[in-house]
mmCIF file of all heavy atoms, coordinates in Angstrom:
data_MODEL
# 
_entry.id   MODEL 
# 
loop_
_atom_site.group_PDB 
_atom_site.id 
_atom_site.type_symbol 
_atom_site.label_atom_id 
_atom_site.label_alt_id 
_atom_site.label_comp_id 
_atom_site.label_asym_id 
_atom_site.label_entity_id 
_atom_site.label_seq_id 
_atom_site.pdbx_PDB_ins_code 
_atom_site.Cartn_x 
_atom_site.Cartn_y 
_atom_site.Cartn_z 
_atom_site.occupancy 
_atom_site.B_iso_or_equiv 
_atom_site.pdbx_formal_charge 
_atom_site.auth_seq_id 
_atom_site.auth_comp_id 
_atom_site.auth_asym_id 
_atom_site.auth_atom_id 
_atom_site.pdbx_PDB_model_num 
ATOM 1   N N   . LYS A 1 1  ? 28.522 24.516 18.739 1.00 0.00 ? 1  LYS A N   1 
ATOM 2   C CA  . LYS A 1 1  ? 29.451 25.764 18.669 1.00 0.00 ? 1  LYS A CA  1 
ATOM 3   C C   . LYS A 1 1  ? 30.156 25.945 20.073 1.00 0.00 ? 1  LYS A C   1 
ATOM 4   O O   . LYS A 1 1  ? 31.326 26.144 20.160 1.00 0.00 ? 1  LYS A O   1 
ATOM 5   C CB  . LYS A 1 1  ? 28.670 26.851 18.183 1.00 0.00 ? 1  LYS A CB  1 
ATOM 6   C CG  . LYS A 1 1  ? 29.573 28.141 18.072 1.00 0.00 ? 1  LYS A CG  1 
ATOM 7   C CD  . LYS A 1 1  ? 28.799 29.343 17.582 1.00 0.00 ? 1  LYS A CD  1 
ATOM 8   C CE  . LYS A 1 1  ? 29.718 30.572 17.419 1.00 0.00 ? 1  LYS A CE  1 
ATOM 9   N NZ  . LYS A 1 1  ? 29.010 31.708 17.097 1.00 0.00 ? 1  LYS A NZ  1 
ATOM 10  N N   . GLU A 1 2  ? 29.267 25.985 21.047 1.00 0.00 ? 2  GLU A N   1 
ATOM 11  C CA  . GLU A 1 2  ? 29.788 25.975 22.440 1.00 0.00 ? 2  GLU A CA  1 
ATOM 12  C C   . GLU A 1 2  ? 30.855 24.945 22.713 1.00 0.00 ? 2  GLU A C   1 
ATOM 13  O O   . GLU A 1 2  ? 31.890 25.231 23.405 1.00 0.00 ? 2  GLU A O   1 
ATOM 14  C CB  . GLU A 1 2  ? 28.762 25.970 23.394 1.00 0.00 ? 2  GLU A CB  1 
ATOM 15  C CG  . GLU A 1 2  ? 29.131 26.586 24.784 1.00 0.00 ? 2  GLU A CG  1 
ATOM 16  C CD  . GLU A 1 2  ? 27.919 26.662 25.727 1.00 0.00 ? 2  GLU A CD  1 
ATOM 17  O OE1 . GLU A 1 2  ? 26.914 27.167 25.347 1.00 0.00 ? 2  GLU A OE1 1 
ATOM 18  O OE2 . GLU A 1 2  ? 28.087 26.201 26.802 1.00 0.00 ? 2  GLU A OE2 1 
ATOM 19  N N   . LYS A 1 3  ? 30.628 23.742 22.297 1.00 0.00 ? 3  LYS A N   1 
ATOM 20  C CA  . LYS A 1 3  ? 31.467 22.605 22.475 1.00 0.00 ? 3  LYS A CA  1 
ATOM 21  C C   . LYS A 1 3  ? 32.821 22.914 21.805 1.00 0.00 ? 3  LYS A C   1 
ATOM 22  O O   . LYS A 1 3  ? 33.920 22.737 22.361 1.00 0.00 ? 3  LYS A O   1 
ATOM 23  C CB  . LYS A 1 3  ? 30.915 21.316 22.097 1.00 0.00 ? 3  LYS A CB  1 
ATOM 24  C CG  . LYS A 1 3  ? 31.658 20.120 22.495 1.00 0.00 ? 3  LYS A CG  1 
ATOM 25  C CD  . LYS A 1 3  ? 30.865 18.778 21.987 1.00 0.00 ? 3  LYS A CD  1 
ATOM 26  C CE  . LYS A 1 3  ? 31.590 17.583 22.248 1.00 0.00 ? 3  LYS A CE  1 
ATOM 27  N NZ  . LYS A 1 3  ? 30.968 16.392 21.876 1.00 0.00 ? 3  LYS A NZ  1 
ATOM 28  N N   . GLN A 1 4  ? 32.716 23.381 20.564 1.00 0.00 ? 4  GLN A N   1 
ATOM 29  C CA  . GLN A 1 4  ? 33.907 23.630 19.794 1.00 0.00 ? 4  GLN A CA  1 
ATOM 30  C C   . GLN A 1 4  ? 34.743 24.828 20.433 1.00 0.00 ? 4  GLN A C   1 
ATOM 31  O O   . GLN A 1 4  ? 36.044 24.697 20.525 1.00 0.00 ? 4  GLN A O   1 
ATOM 32  C CB  . GLN A 1 4  ? 33.541 24.162 18.374 1.00 0.00 ? 4  GLN A CB  1 
ATOM 33  C CG  . GLN A 1 4  ? 34.692 24.292 17.416 1.00 0.00 ? 4  GLN A CG  1 
ATOM 34  C CD  . GLN A 1 4  ? 35.457 23.051 17.064 1.00 0.00 ? 4  GLN A CD  1 
ATOM 35  O OE1 . GLN A 1 4  ? 34.916 21.930 17.010 1.00 0.00 ? 4  GLN A OE1 1 
ATOM 36  N NE2 . GLN A 1 4  ? 36.780 23.215 17.096 1.00 0.00 ? 4  GLN A NE2 1 
ATOM 37  N N   . ASP A 1 5  ? 34.001 25.854 20.855 1.00 0.00 ? 5  ASP A N   1 
ATOM 38  C CA  . ASP A 1 5  ? 34.754 26.955 21.591 1.00 0.00 ? 5  ASP A CA  1 
ATOM 39  C C   . ASP A 1 5  ? 35.442 26.453 22.723 1.00 0.00 ? 5  ASP A C   1 
ATOM 40  O O   . ASP A 1 5  ? 36.505 26.748 23.022 1.00 0.00 ? 5  ASP A O   1 
ATOM 41  C CB  . ASP A 1 5  ? 33.782 28.067 21.976 1.00 0.00 ? 5  ASP A CB  1 
ATOM 42  C CG  . ASP A 1 5  ? 33.168 28.866 20.775 1.00 0.00 ? 5  ASP A CG  1 
ATOM 43  O OD1 . ASP A 1 5  ? 33.803 28.711 19.738 1.00 0.00 ? 5  ASP A OD1 1 
ATOM 44  O OD2 . ASP A 1 5  ? 32.174 29.561 20.886 1.00 0.00 ? 5  ASP A OD2 1 
ATOM 45  N N   . SER A 1 6  ? 34.669 25.600 23.547 1.00 0.00 ? 6  SER A N   1 
ATOM 46  C CA  . SER A 1 6  ? 35.319 24.990 24.828 1.00 0.00 ? 6  SER A CA  1 
ATOM 47  C C   . SER A 1 6  ? 36.540 24.152 24.458 1.00 0.00 ? 6  SER A C   1 
ATOM 48  O O   . SER A 1 6  ? 37.553 24.239 25.231 1.00 0.00 ? 6  SER A O   1 
ATOM 49  C CB  . SER A 1 6  ? 34.247 24.084 25.454 1.00 0.00 ? 6  SER A CB  1 
ATOM 50  O OG  . SER A 1 6  ? 33.242 24.986 26.022 1.00 0.00 ? 6  SER A OG  1 
ATOM 51  N N   . MET A 1 7  ? 36.456 23.412 23.340 1.00 0.00 ? 7  MET A N   1 
ATOM 52  C CA  . MET A 1 7  ? 37.544 22.605 22.917 1.00 0.00 ? 7  MET A CA  1 
ATOM 53  C C   . MET A 1 7  ? 38.763 23.500 22.637 1.00 0.00 ? 7  MET A C   1 
ATOM 54  O O   . MET A 1 7  ? 40.000 23.150 22.951 1.00 0.00 ? 7  MET A O   1 
ATOM 55  C CB  . MET A 1 7  ? 37.297 21.700 21.798 1.00 0.00 ? 7  MET A CB  1 
ATOM 56  C CG  . MET A 1 7  ? 36.306 20.515 22.215 1.00 0.00 ? 7  MET A CG  1 
ATOM 57  S SD  . MET A 1 7  ? 36.917 19.549 23.537 1.00 0.00 ? 7  MET A SD  1 
ATOM 58  C CE  . MET A 1 7  ? 38.271 18.566 22.722 1.00 0.00 ? 7  MET A CE  1 
ATOM 59  N N   . ASN A 1 8  ? 38.345 24.624 21.927 1.00 0.00 ? 8  ASN A N   1 
ATOM 60  C CA  . ASN A 1 8  ? 39.495 25.548 21.513 1.00 0.00 ? 8  ASN A CA  1 
ATOM 61  C C   . ASN A 1 8  ? 40.082 26.229 22.834 1.00 0.00 ? 8  ASN A C   1 
ATOM 62  O O   . ASN A 1 8  ? 41.334 26.291 22.852 1.00 0.00 ? 8  ASN A O   1 
ATOM 63  C CB  . ASN A 1 8  ? 38.937 26.609 20.605 1.00 0.00 ? 8  ASN A CB  1 
ATOM 64  C CG  . ASN A 1 8  ? 38.637 26.074 19.228 1.00 0.00 ? 8  ASN A CG  1 
ATOM 65  O OD1 . ASN A 1 8  ? 39.124 25.045 18.837 1.00 0.00 ? 8  ASN A OD1 1 
ATOM 66  N ND2 . ASN A 1 8  ? 37.723 26.797 18.466 1.00 0.00 ? 8  ASN A ND2 1 
ATOM 67  N N   . ARG A 1 9  ? 39.268 26.634 23.639 1.00 0.00 ? 9  ARG A N   1 
ATOM 68  C CA  . ARG A 1 9  ? 39.822 27.187 24.938 1.00 0.00 ? 9  ARG A CA  1 
ATOM 69  C C   . ARG A 1 9  ? 40.527 26.249 25.663 1.00 0.00 ? 9  ARG A C   1 
ATOM 70  O O   . ARG A 1 9  ? 41.625 26.468 26.374 1.00 0.00 ? 9  ARG A O   1 
ATOM 71  C CB  . ARG A 1 9  ? 38.623 27.742 25.832 1.00 0.00 ? 9  ARG A CB  1 
ATOM 72  C CG  . ARG A 1 9  ? 38.091 29.089 25.486 1.00 0.00 ? 9  ARG A CG  1 
ATOM 73  C CD  . ARG A 1 9  ? 37.304 29.692 26.479 1.00 0.00 ? 9  ARG A CD  1 
ATOM 74  N NE  . ARG A 1 9  ? 36.241 28.721 26.968 1.00 0.00 ? 9  ARG A NE  1 
ATOM 75  C CZ  . ARG A 1 9  ? 34.934 28.955 27.013 1.00 0.00 ? 9  ARG A CZ  1 
ATOM 76  N NH1 . ARG A 1 9  ? 34.492 30.042 26.412 1.00 0.00 ? 9  ARG A NH1 1 
ATOM 77  N NH2 . ARG A 1 9  ? 34.137 27.950 27.487 1.00 0.00 ? 9  ARG A NH2 1 
ATOM 78  N N   . TYR A 1 10 ? 40.093 24.999 25.707 1.00 0.00 ? 10 TYR A N   1 
ATOM 79  C CA  . TYR A 1 10 ? 40.903 23.869 26.467 1.00 0.00 ? 10 TYR A CA  1 
ATOM 80  C C   . TYR A 1 10 ? 42.238 23.670 25.801 1.00 0.00 ? 10 TYR A C   1 
ATOM 81  O O   . TYR A 1 10 ? 43.210 23.580 26.496 1.00 0.00 ? 10 TYR A O   1 
ATOM 82  C CB  . TYR A 1 10 ? 40.039 22.489 26.383 1.00 0.00 ? 10 TYR A CB  1 
ATOM 83  C CG  . TYR A 1 10 ? 40.889 21.364 26.938 1.00 0.00 ? 10 TYR A CG  1 
ATOM 84  C CD1 . TYR A 1 10 ? 41.048 21.315 28.459 1.00 0.00 ? 10 TYR A CD1 1 
ATOM 85  C CD2 . TYR A 1 10 ? 41.521 20.520 26.199 1.00 0.00 ? 10 TYR A CD2 1 
ATOM 86  C CE1 . TYR A 1 10 ? 41.730 20.304 29.005 1.00 0.00 ? 10 TYR A CE1 1 
ATOM 87  C CE2 . TYR A 1 10 ? 42.262 19.502 26.724 1.00 0.00 ? 10 TYR A CE2 1 
ATOM 88  C CZ  . TYR A 1 10 ? 42.319 19.335 28.208 1.00 0.00 ? 10 TYR A CZ  1 
ATOM 89  O OH  . TYR A 1 10 ? 43.054 18.437 28.677 1.00 0.00 ? 10 TYR A OH  1 
ATOM 90  N N   . GLY A 1 11 ? 42.332 23.707 24.520 1.00 0.00 ? 11 GLY A N   1 
ATOM 91  C CA  . GLY A 1 11 ? 43.571 23.514 23.820 1.00 0.00 ? 11 GLY A CA  1 
ATOM 92  C C   . GLY A 1 11 ? 44.406 24.723 24.140 1.00 0.00 ? 11 GLY A C   1 
ATOM 93  O O   . GLY A 1 11 ? 45.682 24.578 24.345 1.00 0.00 ? 11 GLY A O   1 
ATOM 94  N N   . ALA A 1 12 ? 43.863 25.963 24.101 1.00 0.00 ? 12 ALA A N   1 
ATOM 95  C CA  . ALA A 1 12 ? 44.775 27.076 24.336 1.00 0.00 ? 12 ALA A CA  1 
ATOM 96  C C   . ALA A 1 12 ? 45.199 27.054 25.907 1.00 0.00 ? 12 ALA A C   1 
ATOM 97  O O   . ALA A 1 12 ? 46.452 27.326 26.114 1.00 0.00 ? 12 ALA A O   1 
ATOM 98  C CB  . ALA A 1 12 ? 43.901 28.373 24.181 1.00 0.00 ? 12 ALA A CB  1 
ATOM 99  N N   . LEU A 1 13 ? 44.372 26.653 26.745 1.00 0.00 ? 13 LEU A N   1 
ATOM 100 C CA  . LEU A 1 13 ? 44.680 26.597 28.220 1.00 0.00 ? 13 LEU A CA  1 
ATOM 101 C C   . LEU A 1 13 ? 45.713 25.587 28.378 1.00 0.00 ? 13 LEU A C   1 
ATOM 102 O O   . LEU A 1 13 ? 46.618 25.566 29.105 1.00 0.00 ? 13 LEU A O   1 
ATOM 103 C CB  . LEU A 1 13 ? 43.546 26.337 28.971 1.00 0.00 ? 13 LEU A CB  1 
ATOM 104 C CG  . LEU A 1 13 ? 42.520 27.500 29.146 1.00 0.00 ? 13 LEU A CG  1 
ATOM 105 C CD1 . LEU A 1 13 ? 41.343 27.159 30.024 1.00 0.00 ? 13 LEU A CD1 1 
ATOM 106 C CD2 . LEU A 1 13 ? 43.262 28.737 29.927 1.00 0.00 ? 13 LEU A CD2 1 
ATOM 107 N N   . SER A 1 14 ? 45.520 24.413 27.608 1.00 0.00 ? 14 SER A N   1 
ATOM 108 C CA  . SER A 1 14 ? 46.515 23.199 27.738 1.00 0.00 ? 14 SER A CA  1 
ATOM 109 C C   . SER A 1 14 ? 47.895 23.665 27.307 1.00 0.00 ? 14 SER A C   1 
ATOM 110 O O   . SER A 1 14 ? 48.768 23.373 27.960 1.00 0.00 ? 14 SER A O   1 
ATOM 111 C CB  . SER A 1 14 ? 46.007 22.113 26.983 1.00 0.00 ? 14 SER A CB  1 
ATOM 112 O OG  . SER A 1 14 ? 46.819 21.081 26.955 1.00 0.00 ? 14 SER A OG  1 
ATOM 113 N N   . SER A 1 15 ? 47.940 24.316 26.195 1.00 0.00 ? 15 SER A N   1 
ATOM 114 C CA  . SER A 1 15 ? 49.332 24.769 25.747 1.00 0.00 ? 15 SER A CA  1 
ATOM 115 C C   . SER A 1 15 ? 49.921 25.890 26.672 1.00 0.00 ? 15 SER A C   1 
ATOM 116 O O   . SER A 1 15 ? 51.023 25.871 26.886 1.00 0.00 ? 15 SER A O   1 
ATOM 117 C CB  . SER A 1 15 ? 49.222 25.274 24.283 1.00 0.00 ? 15 SER A CB  1 
ATOM 118 O OG  . SER A 1 15 ? 48.430 26.479 24.182 1.00 0.00 ? 15 SER A OG  1 
ATOM 119 N N   . GLN A 1 16 ? 48.996 26.827 27.149 1.00 0.00 ? 16 GLN A N   1 
ATOM 120 C CA  . GLN A 1 16 ? 49.486 27.743 28.141 1.00 0.00 ? 16 GLN A CA  1 
ATOM 121 C C   . GLN A 1 16 ? 49.923 27.036 29.383 1.00 0.00 ? 16 GLN A C   1 
ATOM 122 O O   . GLN A 1 16 ? 50.999 27.455 29.978 1.00 0.00 ? 16 GLN A O   1 
ATOM 123 C CB  . GLN A 1 16 ? 48.335 28.722 28.406 1.00 0.00 ? 16 GLN A CB  1 
ATOM 124 C CG  . GLN A 1 16 ? 48.834 29.937 29.177 1.00 0.00 ? 16 GLN A CG  1 
ATOM 125 C CD  . GLN A 1 16 ? 47.703 30.952 29.468 1.00 0.00 ? 16 GLN A CD  1 
ATOM 126 O OE1 . GLN A 1 16 ? 46.491 30.729 29.131 1.00 0.00 ? 16 GLN A OE1 1 
ATOM 127 N NE2 . GLN A 1 16 ? 47.946 32.131 29.995 1.00 0.00 ? 16 GLN A NE2 1 
ATOM 128 N N   . HIS A 1 17 ? 49.268 26.006 29.848 1.00 0.00 ? 17 HIS A N   1 
ATOM 129 C CA  . HIS A 1 17 ? 49.659 25.282 30.932 1.00 0.00 ? 17 HIS A CA  1 
ATOM 130 C C   . HIS A 1 17 ? 51.072 24.634 30.816 1.00 0.00 ? 17 HIS A C   1 
ATOM 131 O O   . HIS A 1 17 ? 51.960 24.653 31.698 1.00 0.00 ? 17 HIS A O   1 
ATOM 132 C CB  . HIS A 1 17 ? 48.640 24.232 31.295 1.00 0.00 ? 17 HIS A CB  1 
ATOM 133 C CG  . HIS A 1 17 ? 48.947 23.269 32.486 1.00 0.00 ? 17 HIS A CG  1 
ATOM 134 N ND1 . HIS A 1 17 ? 49.525 22.051 32.233 1.00 0.00 ? 17 HIS A ND1 1 
ATOM 135 C CD2 . HIS A 1 17 ? 48.932 23.523 33.778 1.00 0.00 ? 17 HIS A CD2 1 
ATOM 136 C CE1 . HIS A 1 17 ? 49.796 21.613 33.423 1.00 0.00 ? 17 HIS A CE1 1 
ATOM 137 N NE2 . HIS A 1 17 ? 49.487 22.337 34.365 1.00 0.00 ? 17 HIS A NE2 1 
ATOM 138 N N   . LYS A 1 18 ? 51.148 24.065 29.569 1.00 0.00 ? 18 LYS A N   1 
ATOM 139 C CA  . LYS A 1 18 ? 52.532 23.418 29.262 1.00 0.00 ? 18 LYS A CA  1 
ATOM 140 C C   . LYS A 1 18 ? 53.710 24.590 29.371 1.00 0.00 ? 18 LYS A C   1 
ATOM 141 O O   . LYS A 1 18 ? 54.734 24.264 29.886 1.00 0.00 ? 18 LYS A O   1 
ATOM 142 C CB  . LYS A 1 18 ? 52.524 22.674 27.921 1.00 0.00 ? 18 LYS A CB  1 
ATOM 143 C CG  . LYS A 1 18 ? 51.829 21.537 27.854 1.00 0.00 ? 18 LYS A CG  1 
ATOM 144 C CD  . LYS A 1 18 ? 51.730 20.848 26.554 1.00 0.00 ? 18 LYS A CD  1 
ATOM 145 C CE  . LYS A 1 18 ? 50.865 19.578 26.493 1.00 0.00 ? 18 LYS A CE  1 
ATOM 146 N NZ  . LYS A 1 18 ? 50.784 18.993 25.104 1.00 0.00 ? 18 LYS A NZ  1 
ATOM 147 N N   . ILE A 1 19 ? 53.406 25.646 28.727 1.00 0.00 ? 19 ILE A N   1 
ATOM 148 C CA  . ILE A 1 19 ? 54.387 26.779 28.758 1.00 0.00 ? 19 ILE A CA  1 
ATOM 149 C C   . ILE A 1 19 ? 54.744 27.161 30.203 1.00 0.00 ? 19 ILE A C   1 
ATOM 150 O O   . ILE A 1 19 ? 55.813 27.265 30.525 1.00 0.00 ? 19 ILE A O   1 
ATOM 151 C CB  . ILE A 1 19 ? 53.888 27.954 27.906 1.00 0.00 ? 19 ILE A CB  1 
ATOM 152 C CG1 . ILE A 1 19 ? 53.830 27.574 26.549 1.00 0.00 ? 19 ILE A CG1 1 
ATOM 153 C CG2 . ILE A 1 19 ? 54.707 29.236 28.042 1.00 0.00 ? 19 ILE A CG2 1 
ATOM 154 C CD1 . ILE A 1 19 ? 53.205 28.519 25.556 1.00 0.00 ? 19 ILE A CD1 1 
ATOM 155 N N   . LEU A 1 20 ? 53.539 27.317 31.026 1.00 0.00 ? 20 LEU A N   1 
ATOM 156 C CA  . LEU A 1 20 ? 53.828 27.826 32.276 1.00 0.00 ? 20 LEU A CA  1 
ATOM 157 C C   . LEU A 1 20 ? 54.555 26.760 33.079 1.00 0.00 ? 20 LEU A C   1 
ATOM 158 O O   . LEU A 1 20 ? 55.272 27.015 34.046 1.00 0.00 ? 20 LEU A O   1 
ATOM 159 C CB  . LEU A 1 20 ? 52.523 28.182 33.072 1.00 0.00 ? 20 LEU A CB  1 
ATOM 160 C CG  . LEU A 1 20 ? 51.782 29.414 32.377 1.00 0.00 ? 20 LEU A CG  1 
ATOM 161 C CD1 . LEU A 1 20 ? 50.412 29.592 33.115 1.00 0.00 ? 20 LEU A CD1 1 
ATOM 162 C CD2 . LEU A 1 20 ? 52.613 30.675 32.825 1.00 0.00 ? 20 LEU A CD2 1 
ATOM 163 N N   . LYS A 1 21 ? 54.250 25.386 32.787 1.00 0.00 ? 21 LYS A N   1 
ATOM 164 C CA  . LYS A 1 21 ? 54.844 24.297 33.656 1.00 0.00 ? 21 LYS A CA  1 
ATOM 165 C C   . LYS A 1 21 ? 56.331 24.364 33.291 1.00 0.00 ? 21 LYS A C   1 
ATOM 166 O O   . LYS A 1 21 ? 57.303 24.256 34.157 1.00 0.00 ? 21 LYS A O   1 
ATOM 167 C CB  . LYS A 1 21 ? 54.303 22.983 33.196 1.00 0.00 ? 21 LYS A CB  1 
ATOM 168 C CG  . LYS A 1 21 ? 54.696 21.884 34.062 1.00 0.00 ? 21 LYS A CG  1 
ATOM 169 C CD  . LYS A 1 21 ? 53.899 20.683 33.776 1.00 0.00 ? 21 LYS A CD  1 
ATOM 170 C CE  . LYS A 1 21 ? 54.484 19.507 34.573 1.00 0.00 ? 21 LYS A CE  1 
ATOM 171 N NZ  . LYS A 1 21 ? 53.899 18.223 34.286 1.00 0.00 ? 21 LYS A NZ  1 
ATOM 172 N N   . ASN A 1 22 ? 56.650 24.587 31.947 1.00 0.00 ? 22 ASN A N   1 
ATOM 173 C CA  . ASN A 1 22 ? 58.105 24.596 31.565 1.00 0.00 ? 22 ASN A CA  1 
ATOM 174 C C   . ASN A 1 22 ? 58.828 25.812 32.281 1.00 0.00 ? 22 ASN A C   1 
ATOM 175 O O   . ASN A 1 22 ? 59.862 25.676 32.812 1.00 0.00 ? 22 ASN A O   1 
ATOM 176 C CB  . ASN A 1 22 ? 58.269 24.695 30.097 1.00 0.00 ? 22 ASN A CB  1 
ATOM 177 C CG  . ASN A 1 22 ? 57.853 23.371 29.332 1.00 0.00 ? 22 ASN A CG  1 
ATOM 178 O OD1 . ASN A 1 22 ? 57.901 22.384 30.001 1.00 0.00 ? 22 ASN A OD1 1 
ATOM 179 N ND2 . ASN A 1 22 ? 57.435 23.429 28.150 1.00 0.00 ? 22 ASN A ND2 1 
ATOM 180 N N   . GLN A 1 23 ? 58.135 26.971 32.254 1.00 0.00 ? 23 GLN A N   1 
ATOM 181 C CA  . GLN A 1 23 ? 58.620 28.067 32.927 1.00 0.00 ? 23 GLN A CA  1 
ATOM 182 C C   . GLN A 1 23 ? 58.772 27.891 34.455 1.00 0.00 ? 23 GLN A C   1 
ATOM 183 O O   . GLN A 1 23 ? 59.888 28.212 34.982 1.00 0.00 ? 23 GLN A O   1 
ATOM 184 C CB  . GLN A 1 23 ? 57.786 29.393 32.747 1.00 0.00 ? 23 GLN A CB  1 
ATOM 185 C CG  . GLN A 1 23 ? 57.833 29.988 31.377 1.00 0.00 ? 23 GLN A CG  1 
ATOM 186 C CD  . GLN A 1 23 ? 56.798 31.126 31.213 1.00 0.00 ? 23 GLN A CD  1 
ATOM 187 O OE1 . GLN A 1 23 ? 55.874 31.388 32.171 1.00 0.00 ? 23 GLN A OE1 1 
ATOM 188 N NE2 . GLN A 1 23 ? 56.890 31.836 30.167 1.00 0.00 ? 23 GLN A NE2 1 
ATOM 189 N N   . HIS A 1 24 ? 57.790 27.259 35.012 1.00 0.00 ? 24 HIS A N   1 
ATOM 190 C CA  . HIS A 1 24 ? 57.921 26.820 36.437 1.00 0.00 ? 24 HIS A CA  1 
ATOM 191 C C   . HIS A 1 24 ? 59.232 26.045 36.641 1.00 0.00 ? 24 HIS A C   1 
ATOM 192 O O   . HIS A 1 24 ? 59.891 26.227 37.718 1.00 0.00 ? 24 HIS A O   1 
ATOM 193 C CB  . HIS A 1 24 ? 56.658 26.169 36.841 1.00 0.00 ? 24 HIS A CB  1 
ATOM 194 C CG  . HIS A 1 24 ? 56.711 25.704 38.286 1.00 0.00 ? 24 HIS A CG  1 
ATOM 195 N ND1 . HIS A 1 24 ? 56.612 26.513 39.309 1.00 0.00 ? 24 HIS A ND1 1 
ATOM 196 C CD2 . HIS A 1 24 ? 56.778 24.396 38.745 1.00 0.00 ? 24 HIS A CD2 1 
ATOM 197 C CE1 . HIS A 1 24 ? 56.754 25.679 40.624 1.00 0.00 ? 24 HIS A CE1 1 
ATOM 198 N NE2 . HIS A 1 24 ? 56.821 24.564 40.086 1.00 0.00 ? 24 HIS A NE2 1 
ATOM 199 N N   . ASP A 1 25 ? 59.304 24.992 35.931 1.00 0.00 ? 25 ASP A N   1 
ATOM 200 C CA  . ASP A 1 25 ? 60.509 24.044 36.016 1.00 0.00 ? 25 ASP A CA  1 
ATOM 201 C C   . ASP A 1 25 ? 61.780 24.845 35.906 1.00 0.00 ? 25 ASP A C   1 
ATOM 202 O O   . ASP A 1 25 ? 62.811 24.754 36.603 1.00 0.00 ? 25 ASP A O   1 
ATOM 203 C CB  . ASP A 1 25 ? 60.461 22.952 34.928 1.00 0.00 ? 25 ASP A CB  1 
ATOM 204 C CG  . ASP A 1 25 ? 59.349 21.892 35.254 1.00 0.00 ? 25 ASP A CG  1 
ATOM 205 O OD1 . ASP A 1 25 ? 58.854 21.934 36.471 1.00 0.00 ? 25 ASP A OD1 1 
ATOM 206 O OD2 . ASP A 1 25 ? 58.947 21.216 34.338 1.00 0.00 ? 25 ASP A OD2 1 
# 
């Protein structure tokens, strides 16, 4: 369960990172 939560958080952070990277660009 913790692994799944971590993967979900990683996915959310990854998409947020892409959005922020695009905004940064």
